[in-house]
C-alpha atoms as a PDB file:
ATOM      1  CA  MET A   1      -8.602  22.233  32.316  1.00  0.00           C
ATOM      2  CA  THR A   2      -7.768  24.106  29.109  1.00  0.00           C
ATOM      3  CA  ALA A   3      -4.232  24.723  27.740  1.00  0.00           C
ATOM      4  CA  THR A   4      -2.773  26.042  24.629  1.00  0.00           C
ATOM      5  CA  VAL A   5      -0.013  24.499  22.549  1.00  0.00           C
ATOM      6  CA  SER A   6       1.925  25.965  19.644  1.00  0.00           C
ATOM      7  CA  PHE A   7       2.680  23.899  16.116  1.00  0.00           C
ATOM      8  CA  THR A   8       4.269  24.716  12.850  1.00  0.00           C
ATOM      9  CA  ILE A   9       2.053  23.825   9.656  1.00  0.00           C
ATOM     10  CA  ASP A  10       3.036  23.545   6.042  1.00  0.00           C
ATOM     11  CA  SER A  11       0.802  25.628   4.302  1.00  0.00           C
ATOM     12  CA  PRO A  12       0.640  26.735   0.174  1.00  0.00           C
ATOM     13  CA  LEU A  13       1.903  30.037   1.767  1.00  0.00           C
ATOM     14  CA  GLY A  14       5.368  28.358   3.462  1.00  0.00           C
ATOM     15  CA  PRO A  15       5.957  27.321   7.044  1.00  0.00           C
ATOM     16  CA  ARG A  16       3.030  28.771   9.499  1.00  0.00           C
ATOM     17  CA  THR A  17       2.352  28.994  13.121  1.00  0.00           C
ATOM     18  CA  ILE A  18      -0.475  28.929  15.041  1.00  0.00           C
ATOM     19  CA  THR A  19      -2.229  28.212  18.553  1.00  0.00           C
ATOM     20  CA  ALA A  20      -4.579  25.360  19.042  1.00  0.00           C
ATOM     21  CA  ALA A  21      -6.277  24.819  22.594  1.00  0.00           C
ATOM     22  CA  TYR A  22      -7.165  21.405  23.966  1.00  0.00           C
ATOM     23  CA  GLU A  23      -7.991  19.610  27.089  1.00  0.00           C
ATOM     24  CA  ARG A  24      -6.028  16.369  28.114  1.00  0.00           C
ATOM     25  CA  LYS A  25      -6.869  13.333  30.958  1.00  0.00           C
ATOM     26  CA  GLY A  26      -6.402   9.885  31.538  1.00  0.00           C
ATOM     27  CA  ALA A  27      -3.394   7.583  30.953  1.00  0.00           C
ATOM     28  CA  GLY A  28      -2.461   5.318  28.268  1.00  0.00           C
ATOM     29  CA  GLU A  29      -2.430   4.608  24.608  1.00  0.00           C
ATOM     30  CA  PRO A  30      -3.663   8.555  23.271  1.00  0.00           C
ATOM     31  CA  LEU A  31      -7.211   9.179  21.870  1.00  0.00           C
ATOM     32  CA  LEU A  32      -7.644  12.405  19.890  1.00  0.00           C
ATOM     33  CA  LEU A  33     -11.549  13.911  20.132  1.00  0.00           C
ATOM     34  CA  LEU A  34     -12.474  15.536  17.086  1.00  0.00           C
ATOM     35  CA  HIS A  35     -15.680  17.822  17.316  1.00  0.00           C
ATOM     36  CA  GLY A  36     -17.834  19.216  14.285  1.00  0.00           C
ATOM     37  CA  ILE A  37     -18.110  22.541  12.381  1.00  0.00           C
ATOM     38  CA  GLY A  38     -18.980  25.297  14.730  1.00  0.00           C
ATOM     39  CA  HIS A  39     -18.859  23.529  17.618  1.00  0.00           C
ATOM     40  CA  HIS A  40     -15.770  22.929  20.428  1.00  0.00           C
ATOM     41  CA  LEU A  41     -14.319  21.071  22.504  1.00  0.00           C
ATOM     42  CA  GLN A  42     -16.682  20.605  25.150  1.00  0.00           C
ATOM     43  CA  ALA A  43     -18.934  18.381  22.684  1.00  0.00           C
ATOM     44  CA  TRP A  44     -17.263  15.774  24.089  1.00  0.00           C
ATOM     45  CA  HIS A  45     -17.436  16.311  27.888  1.00  0.00           C
ATOM     46  CA  PRO A  46     -20.215  13.771  28.593  1.00  0.00           C
ATOM     47  CA  VAL A  47     -17.927  10.720  27.161  1.00  0.00           C
ATOM     48  CA  ALA A  48     -14.409  12.060  27.926  1.00  0.00           C
ATOM     49  CA  ASP A  49     -14.005  10.895  31.796  1.00  0.00           C
ATOM     50  CA  ILE A  50     -15.510   7.210  30.571  1.00  0.00           C
ATOM     51  CA  LEU A  51     -12.448   7.143  27.577  1.00  0.00           C
ATOM     52  CA  ALA A  52      -9.790   8.704  30.436  1.00  0.00           C
ATOM     53  CA  ALA A  53     -10.225   5.559  32.630  1.00  0.00           C
ATOM     54  CA  GLU A  54      -8.330   3.610  29.878  1.00  0.00           C
ATOM     55  CA  TYR A  55      -6.643   6.274  27.836  1.00  0.00           C
ATOM     56  CA  ASP A  56      -4.564   9.303  27.363  1.00  0.00           C
ATOM     57  CA  VAL A  57      -7.506  11.510  26.055  1.00  0.00           C
ATOM     58  CA  ILE A  58      -6.638  14.833  24.107  1.00  0.00           C
ATOM     59  CA  ALA A  59     -10.046  16.929  22.879  1.00  0.00           C
ATOM     60  CA  VAL A  60      -9.040  19.951  20.737  1.00  0.00           C
ATOM     61  CA  ASP A  61     -10.726  22.573  19.456  1.00  0.00           C
ATOM     62  CA  LEU A  62      -9.836  22.482  15.762  1.00  0.00           C
ATOM     63  CA  PRO A  63      -8.512  25.336  14.005  1.00  0.00           C
ATOM     64  CA  GLY A  64     -10.387  28.663  13.744  1.00  0.00           C
ATOM     65  CA  PHE A  65     -13.091  26.917  16.673  1.00  0.00           C
ATOM     66  CA  GLY A  66     -13.052  27.047  19.915  1.00  0.00           C
ATOM     67  CA  LEU A  67     -10.254  29.133  21.490  1.00  0.00           C
ATOM     68  CA  SER A  68      -8.084  27.916  18.800  1.00  0.00           C
ATOM     69  CA  GLU A  69      -6.766  29.984  16.419  1.00  0.00           C
ATOM     70  CA  PRO A  70      -7.834  30.198  12.667  1.00  0.00           C
ATOM     71  CA  PHE A  71      -5.514  29.862   9.890  1.00  0.00           C
ATOM     72  CA  PRO A  72      -3.494  32.766   8.344  1.00  0.00           C
ATOM     73  CA  HIS A  73      -5.355  34.439   5.802  1.00  0.00           C
ATOM     74  CA  GLY A  74      -4.908  32.123   2.607  1.00  0.00           C
ATOM     75  CA  VAL A  75      -3.898  28.705   4.102  1.00  0.00           C
ATOM     76  CA  PRO A  76      -7.257  26.692   3.000  1.00  0.00           C
ATOM     77  CA  TYR A  77      -9.363  24.455   5.180  1.00  0.00           C
ATOM     78  CA  ASP A  78      -9.173  21.553   2.969  1.00  0.00           C
ATOM     79  CA  LEU A  79      -8.239  18.190   4.023  1.00  0.00           C
ATOM     80  CA  ASP A  80      -4.645  18.443   2.654  1.00  0.00           C
ATOM     81  CA  THR A  81      -3.736  21.561   4.598  1.00  0.00           C
ATOM     82  CA  VAL A  82      -5.996  20.413   7.937  1.00  0.00           C
ATOM     83  CA  ALA A  83      -5.203  16.546   8.428  1.00  0.00           C
ATOM     84  CA  PRO A  84      -1.454  16.970   8.410  1.00  0.00           C
ATOM     85  CA  ALA A  85      -2.054  20.431  11.119  1.00  0.00           C
ATOM     86  CA  LEU A  86      -3.495  17.760  13.247  1.00  0.00           C
ATOM     87  CA  GLY A  87      -0.605  15.365  12.864  1.00  0.00           C
ATOM     88  CA  ALA A  88       1.319  18.173  13.810  1.00  0.00           C
ATOM     89  CA  LEU A  89      -0.543  18.938  16.792  1.00  0.00           C
ATOM     90  CA  CYS A  90      -0.305  15.482  17.504  1.00  0.00           C
ATOM     91  CA  THR A  91       3.794  15.877  17.671  1.00  0.00           C
ATOM     92  CA  ALA A  92       3.553  19.082  19.706  1.00  0.00           C
ATOM     93  CA  LEU A  93       1.806  16.979  22.271  1.00  0.00           C
ATOM     94  CA  GLY A  94       4.397  14.372  22.011  1.00  0.00           C
ATOM     95  CA  ILE A  95       1.843  12.421  20.969  1.00  0.00           C
ATOM     96  CA  GLU A  96       2.443   9.439  17.745  1.00  0.00           C
ATOM     97  CA  ARG A  97      -0.139   7.714  15.840  1.00  0.00           C
ATOM     98  CA  PRO A  98      -3.416   8.220  17.775  1.00  0.00           C
ATOM     99  CA  HIS A  99      -6.481   6.451  18.316  1.00  0.00           C
ATOM    100  CA  VAL A 100      -9.035   9.382  16.424  1.00  0.00           C
ATOM    101  CA  ALA A 101     -12.965   9.741  17.500  1.00  0.00           C
ATOM    102  CA  GLY A 102     -14.637  12.609  15.679  1.00  0.00           C
ATOM    103  CA  ASN A 103     -17.888  14.027  14.717  1.00  0.00           C
ATOM    104  CA  SER A 104     -19.174  15.270  11.329  1.00  0.00           C
ATOM    105  CA  LEU A 105     -16.472  17.721  10.051  1.00  0.00           C
ATOM    106  CA  GLY A 106     -14.309  15.699  13.141  1.00  0.00           C
ATOM    107  CA  GLY A 107     -14.984  12.330  11.667  1.00  0.00           C
ATOM    108  CA  LEU A 108     -14.222  13.170   8.053  1.00  0.00           C
ATOM    109  CA  LEU A 109     -10.421  14.172   9.252  1.00  0.00           C
ATOM    110  CA  GLY A 110     -10.073  11.499  11.825  1.00  0.00           C
ATOM    111  CA  LEU A 111     -10.612   9.302   8.597  1.00  0.00           C
ATOM    112  CA  GLU A 112      -8.192  11.176   6.315  1.00  0.00           C
ATOM    113  CA  MET A 113      -5.656  10.653   9.071  1.00  0.00           C
ATOM    114  CA  GLY A 114      -6.272   7.139   9.097  1.00  0.00           C
ATOM    115  CA  ARG A 115      -6.042   7.175   5.429  1.00  0.00           C
ATOM    116  CA  VAL A 116      -2.117   9.112   5.103  1.00  0.00           C
ATOM    117  CA  GLY A 117      -0.817   6.685   8.375  1.00  0.00           C
ATOM    118  CA  LEU A 118      -1.411   9.495  11.190  1.00  0.00           C
ATOM    119  CA  ALA A 119      -4.071   7.488  13.145  1.00  0.00           C
ATOM    120  CA  ARG A 120      -3.982   3.706  14.921  1.00  0.00           C
ATOM    121  CA  SER A 121      -7.956   3.481  14.432  1.00  0.00           C
ATOM    122  CA  VAL A 122     -10.721   5.556  13.715  1.00  0.00           C
ATOM    123  CA  THR A 123     -14.216   5.858  15.079  1.00  0.00           C
ATOM    124  CA  ALA A 124     -16.077   8.352  12.482  1.00  0.00           C
ATOM    125  CA  LEU A 125     -19.672   9.654  14.171  1.00  0.00           C
ATOM    126  CA  SER A 126     -21.939  10.971  11.262  1.00  0.00           C
ATOM    127  CA  PRO A 127     -18.790  11.343   9.330  1.00  0.00           C
ATOM    128  CA  ALA A 128     -19.453  14.286   6.171  1.00  0.00           C
ATOM    129  CA  GLY A 129     -18.021  13.537   3.243  1.00  0.00           C
ATOM    130  CA  PHE A 130     -20.268  10.465   2.123  1.00  0.00           C
ATOM    131  CA  TRP A 131     -23.299  13.217   1.126  1.00  0.00           C
ATOM    132  CA  SER A 132     -24.891  13.492  -2.541  1.00  0.00           C
ATOM    133  CA  GLU A 133     -25.310  17.034  -3.682  1.00  0.00           C
ATOM    134  CA  GLY A 134     -28.354  17.178  -2.825  1.00  0.00           C
ATOM    135  CA  GLU A 135     -27.908  15.992   0.625  1.00  0.00           C
ATOM    136  CA  ARG A 136     -24.952  18.488   0.950  1.00  0.00           C
ATOM    137  CA  ARG A 137     -26.653  21.362  -0.127  1.00  0.00           C
ATOM    138  CA  TYR A 138     -29.759  20.362   2.576  1.00  0.00           C
ATOM    139  CA  ALA A 139     -26.680  20.289   5.442  1.00  0.00           C
ATOM    140  CA  PHE A 140     -25.006  23.737   4.640  1.00  0.00           C
ATOM    141  CA  THR A 141     -28.030  25.888   4.367  1.00  0.00           C
ATOM    142  CA  ALA A 142     -29.137  24.160   7.839  1.00  0.00           C
ATOM    143  CA  LEU A 143     -25.712  24.954   9.173  1.00  0.00           C
ATOM    144  CA  ARG A 144     -25.801  28.549   8.017  1.00  0.00           C
ATOM    145  CA  ALA A 145     -29.348  28.941   9.121  1.00  0.00           C
ATOM    146  CA  MET A 146     -28.287  27.696  12.637  1.00  0.00           C
ATOM    147  CA  ARG A 147     -25.458  30.241  12.060  1.00  0.00           C
ATOM    148  CA  ALA A 148     -27.107  32.974  11.499  1.00  0.00           C
ATOM    149  CA  GLY A 149     -30.039  32.467  14.128  1.00  0.00           C
ATOM    150  CA  ALA A 150     -26.666  32.338  16.835  1.00  0.00           C
ATOM    151  CA  THR A 151     -25.884  35.499  15.404  1.00  0.00           C
ATOM    152  CA  ALA A 152     -29.024  37.376  15.337  1.00  0.00           C
ATOM    153  CA  LEU A 153     -29.853  36.147  19.429  1.00  0.00           C
ATOM    154  CA  PRO A 154     -28.495  39.005  22.043  1.00  0.00           C
ATOM    155  CA  ASP A 155     -27.347  37.206  24.647  1.00  0.00           C
ATOM    156  CA  SER A 156     -29.784  37.787  27.012  1.00  0.00           C
ATOM    157  CA  ALA A 157     -32.237  36.722  24.844  1.00  0.00           C
ATOM    158  CA  LEU A 158     -29.638  33.625  24.261  1.00  0.00           C
ATOM    159  CA  GLU A 159     -29.433  32.633  28.034  1.00  0.00           C
ATOM    160  CA  ARG A 160     -33.541  33.101  28.470  1.00  0.00           C
ATOM    161  CA  LEU A 161     -33.791  30.390  25.941  1.00  0.00           C
ATOM    162  CA  ALA A 162     -31.827  27.861  27.318  1.00  0.00           C
ATOM    163  CA  ARG A 163     -33.355  27.997  30.678  1.00  0.00           C
ATOM    164  CA  SER A 164     -36.076  25.849  29.221  1.00  0.00           C
ATOM    165  CA  ALA A 165     -36.469  22.788  27.611  1.00  0.00           C
ATOM    166  CA  ALA A 166     -38.672  24.103  24.662  1.00  0.00           C
ATOM    167  CA  GLY A 167     -35.649  26.776  24.055  1.00  0.00           C
ATOM    168  CA  ARG A 168     -32.758  24.291  24.188  1.00  0.00           C
ATOM    169  CA  THR A 169     -34.754  22.133  21.601  1.00  0.00           C
ATOM    170  CA  ALA A 170     -35.131  25.286  19.590  1.00  0.00           C
ATOM    171  CA  LEU A 171     -31.887  26.466  19.542  1.00  0.00           C
ATOM    172  CA  THR A 172     -30.120  22.661  19.130  1.00  0.00           C
ATOM    173  CA  GLY A 173     -32.770  20.329  18.489  1.00  0.00           C
ATOM    174  CA  SER A 174     -30.972  20.076  14.697  1.00  0.00           C
ATOM    175  CA  ILE A 175     -27.903  18.148  16.378  1.00  0.00           C
ATOM    176  CA  TYR A 176     -29.333  16.178  18.963  1.00  0.00           C
ATOM    177  CA  ALA A 177     -31.930  14.012  19.328  1.00  0.00           C
ATOM    178  CA  ARG A 178     -32.559  15.102  23.376  1.00  0.00           C
ATOM    179  CA  PRO A 179     -31.974  18.530  23.223  1.00  0.00           C
ATOM    180  CA  GLY A 180     -33.480  18.863  26.617  1.00  0.00           C
ATOM    181  CA  ARG A 181     -30.976  17.320  28.433  1.00  0.00           C
ATOM    182  CA  ARG A 182     -28.031  19.674  27.558  1.00  0.00           C
ATOM    183  CA  SER A 183     -27.678  21.998  30.360  1.00  0.00           C
ATOM    184  CA  PRO A 184     -28.646  25.482  30.218  1.00  0.00           C
ATOM    185  CA  ALA A 185     -24.980  26.593  30.102  1.00  0.00           C
ATOM    186  CA  SER A 186     -23.413  24.234  27.674  1.00  0.00           C
ATOM    187  CA  VAL A 187     -26.033  25.541  25.126  1.00  0.00           C
ATOM    188  CA  VAL A 188     -25.552  28.877  25.678  1.00  0.00           C
ATOM    189  CA  ALA A 189     -21.568  28.151  25.561  1.00  0.00           C
ATOM    190  CA  GLU A 190     -21.864  26.132  22.451  1.00  0.00           C
ATOM    191  CA  THR A 191     -24.168  28.887  20.500  1.00  0.00           C
ATOM    192  CA  VAL A 192     -21.839  30.995  21.313  1.00  0.00           C
ATOM    193  CA  ALA A 193     -19.024  29.436  19.880  1.00  0.00           C
ATOM    194  CA  LEU A 194     -20.771  28.693  16.690  1.00  0.00           C
ATOM    195  CA  ARG A 195     -21.381  32.592  16.343  1.00  0.00           C
ATOM    196  CA  GLU A 196     -17.553  33.033  16.943  1.00  0.00           C
ATOM    197  CA  ALA A 197     -16.331  30.500  15.135  1.00  0.00           C
ATOM    198  CA  THR A 198     -13.716  32.118  13.010  1.00  0.00           C
ATOM    199  CA  GLY A 199     -13.417  28.961  10.333  1.00  0.00           C
ATOM    200  CA  PHE A 200     -16.806  28.387   9.790  1.00  0.00           C
ATOM    201  CA  GLU A 201     -17.073  30.150   6.314  1.00  0.00           C
ATOM    202  CA  GLN A 202     -14.063  28.554   4.969  1.00  0.00           C
ATOM    203  CA  THR A 203     -14.458  25.041   6.098  1.00  0.00           C
ATOM    204  CA  LEU A 204     -18.303  25.104   4.406  1.00  0.00           C
ATOM    205  CA  ALA A 205     -16.631  26.580   1.073  1.00  0.00           C
ATOM    206  CA  ALA A 206     -13.874  24.044   1.478  1.00  0.00           C
ATOM    207  CA  GLY A 207     -15.905  21.439   1.994  1.00  0.00           C
ATOM    208  CA  GLY A 208     -18.341  22.417  -1.034  1.00  0.00           C
ATOM    209  CA  SER A 209     -16.106  19.756  -3.040  1.00  0.00           C
ATOM    210  CA  VAL A 210     -15.272  17.099  -0.424  1.00  0.00           C
ATOM    211  CA  ARG A 211     -16.157  13.586  -1.214  1.00  0.00           C
ATOM    212  CA  PHE A 212     -14.462  10.871   0.527  1.00  0.00           C
ATOM    213  CA  THR A 213     -14.049   8.167  -1.797  1.00  0.00           C
ATOM    214  CA  ALA A 214     -10.787   6.617  -0.381  1.00  0.00           C
ATOM    215  CA  ASP A 215     -10.452   3.267   1.454  1.00  0.00           C
ATOM    216  CA  VAL A 216      -8.916   3.129   5.204  1.00  0.00           C
ATOM    217  CA  PRO A 217      -6.798   0.171   4.912  1.00  0.00           C
ATOM    218  CA  GLY A 218      -4.715  -1.496   7.791  1.00  0.00           C
ATOM    219  CA  LEU A 219      -6.248  -0.153  10.814  1.00  0.00           C
ATOM    220  CA  PRO A 220      -9.599  -0.750  12.918  1.00  0.00           C
ATOM    221  CA  VAL A 221     -12.498   1.422  11.385  1.00  0.00           C
ATOM    222  CA  THR A 222     -15.901   2.340  12.772  1.00  0.00           C
ATOM    223  CA  ILE A 223     -18.981   4.299  11.006  1.00  0.00           C
ATOM    224  CA  ALA A 224     -21.315   5.136  13.524  1.00  0.00           C
ATOM    225  CA  TRP A 225     -24.547   6.896  12.716  1.00  0.00           C
ATOM    226  CA  GLY A 226     -27.330   8.570  14.398  1.00  0.00           C
ATOM    227  CA  SER A 227     -31.099   6.779  14.066  1.00  0.00           C
ATOM    228  CA  ARG A 228     -32.388  10.262  14.374  1.00  0.00           C
ATOM    229  CA  ASP A 229     -29.800  12.332  12.815  1.00  0.00           C
ATOM    230  CA  ARG A 230     -31.595  15.655  11.143  1.00  0.00           C
ATOM    231  CA  LEU A 231     -28.340  16.767   9.202  1.00  0.00           C
ATOM    232  CA  LEU A 232     -26.860  13.967   7.534  1.00  0.00           C
ATOM    233  CA  LEU A 233     -29.079  11.270   7.265  1.00  0.00           C
ATOM    234  CA  ARG A 234     -28.244   8.351   8.010  1.00  0.00           C
ATOM    235  CA  ARG A 235     -28.340   6.567   4.242  1.00  0.00           C
ATOM    236  CA  GLN A 236     -24.987   8.006   3.772  1.00  0.00           C
ATOM    237  CA  GLY A 237     -23.419   5.563   6.401  1.00  0.00           C
ATOM    238  CA  VAL A 238     -24.183   2.670   3.614  1.00  0.00           C
ATOM    239  CA  ARG A 239     -22.312   5.232   1.185  1.00  0.00           C
ATOM    240  CA  ALA A 240     -19.758   4.999   3.969  1.00  0.00           C
ATOM    241  CA  LYS A 241     -19.653   1.229   4.201  1.00  0.00           C
ATOM    242  CA  HIS A 242     -19.346   0.911   0.602  1.00  0.00           C
ATOM    243  CA  THR A 243     -16.149   2.876   0.874  1.00  0.00           C
ATOM    244  CA  ILE A 244     -14.366   1.457   3.574  1.00  0.00           C
ATOM    245  CA  PRO A 245     -15.657  -1.972   3.114  1.00  0.00           C
ATOM    246  CA  GLY A 246     -13.546  -2.956   6.149  1.00  0.00           C
ATOM    247  CA  ALA A 247     -15.236  -0.573   8.425  1.00  0.00           C
ATOM    248  CA  ARG A 248     -17.756  -1.418  11.120  1.00  0.00           C
ATOM    249  CA  LEU A 249     -21.617   0.165  10.545  1.00  0.00           C
ATOM    250  CA  VAL A 250     -22.961   0.683  13.843  1.00  0.00           C
ATOM    251  CA  ARG A 251     -26.343   2.381  14.361  1.00  0.00           C
ATOM    252  CA  LEU A 252     -26.825   4.752  17.497  1.00  0.00           C
ATOM    253  CA  SER A 253     -30.287   4.133  18.430  1.00  0.00           C
ATOM    254  CA  GLY A 254     -31.965   7.236  19.702  1.00  0.00           C
ATOM    255  CA  CYS A 255     -29.191   9.308  18.894  1.00  0.00           C
ATOM    256  CA  GLY A 256     -28.649  12.568  16.361  1.00  0.00           C
ATOM    257  CA  HIS A 257     -26.196  14.214  14.936  1.00  0.00           C
ATOM    258  CA  VAL A 258     -24.099  14.946  17.389  1.00  0.00           C
ATOM    259  CA  PRO A 259     -24.761  11.669  19.870  1.00  0.00           C
ATOM    260  CA  MET A 260     -22.042  12.467  22.837  1.00  0.00           C
ATOM    261  CA  ASN A 261     -24.974  13.732  24.553  1.00  0.00           C
ATOM    262  CA  ASP A 262     -27.953  11.854  23.413  1.00  0.00           C
ATOM    263  CA  ASP A 263     -26.320   8.232  25.111  1.00  0.00           C
ATOM    264  CA  PRO A 264     -22.948   9.200  26.146  1.00  0.00           C
ATOM    265  CA  ALA A 265     -22.112   4.974  27.278  1.00  0.00           C
ATOM    266  CA  LEU A 266     -22.957   3.970  23.944  1.00  0.00           C
ATOM    267  CA  VAL A 267     -20.684   6.896  21.938  1.00  0.00           C
ATOM    268  CA  ALA A 268     -18.215   5.666  24.368  1.00  0.00           C
ATOM    269  CA  ARG A 269     -18.825   1.842  24.190  1.00  0.00           C
ATOM    270  CA  VAL A 270     -18.829   2.117  19.878  1.00  0.00           C
ATOM    271  CA  ILE A 271     -15.154   4.113  20.572  1.00  0.00           C
ATOM    272  CA  LEU A 272     -13.822   1.668  23.020  1.00  0.00           C
ATOM    273  CA  ASP A 273     -14.506  -1.369  20.937  1.00  0.00           C
ATOM    274  CA  THR A 274     -12.506  -0.180  18.070  1.00  0.00           C
ATOM    275  CA  THR A 275      -9.781   0.991  19.896  1.00  0.00           C
ATOM    276  CA  ARG A 276      -9.660  -2.087  21.427  1.00  0.00           C
ATOM    277  CA  LEU A 277      -9.655  -3.930  17.955  1.00  0.00           C
ATOM    278  CA  SER A 278      -5.742  -2.179  17.211  1.00  0.00           C
ATOM    279  CA  ARG A 279      -4.387  -4.679  19.731  1.00  0.00           C
END
């Protein structure tokens, strides 16, 4: 069941309080799950129960996405603001230095949390920030096209498309290798989440200059990339490995950009292998 928590962030405008949505299950060491741009915490549903068998699993809607409030006007969606905000969120939830698994934007945020000492291990699935300028422009163009399509579709047309495998492929084929596996309800919900993401444009604006160039020493880090990722091409994983030489680089065979639905068992195993290295 989705719950909410309020927490205070330090921003260039001074302290501000926002409310975030989250789902929590399981017991053990804390494991924070972070979704990608335009998505919501439900992206983690395919693997959450597997992970909750060993961990206290907390999946969150990032600020400005899903059911979480956006940052106040004028507060940037950059790494210097969002990563500490996630640290404040963890404090409000009564957890300290969780394991972090993130996809795309969430992977980038997880690596930043690891870099600044806010995580005990990081699993980054196709993380943003290791692109060339041409690759970044390609990805941002694709994301804006998805957003435009989600905004233009009436609900009736969206629901009709989602009923067929071909329609689900048209709606989500750029992020899933096996979009037909998504349920019609899930495809409708994530398309609506993309349409209504109040933090989408600000996050893209902040991401225009993002390059992750720092090492993340002193904790287990895994970089995992889908072999069929059509949004952030898998050669970016090699760059990530050069940047973070101590990280494991794992190929997610047959998976797309959002691999949790394409192969839940594989993704869960990669995350669990990483978290166990910190023991």
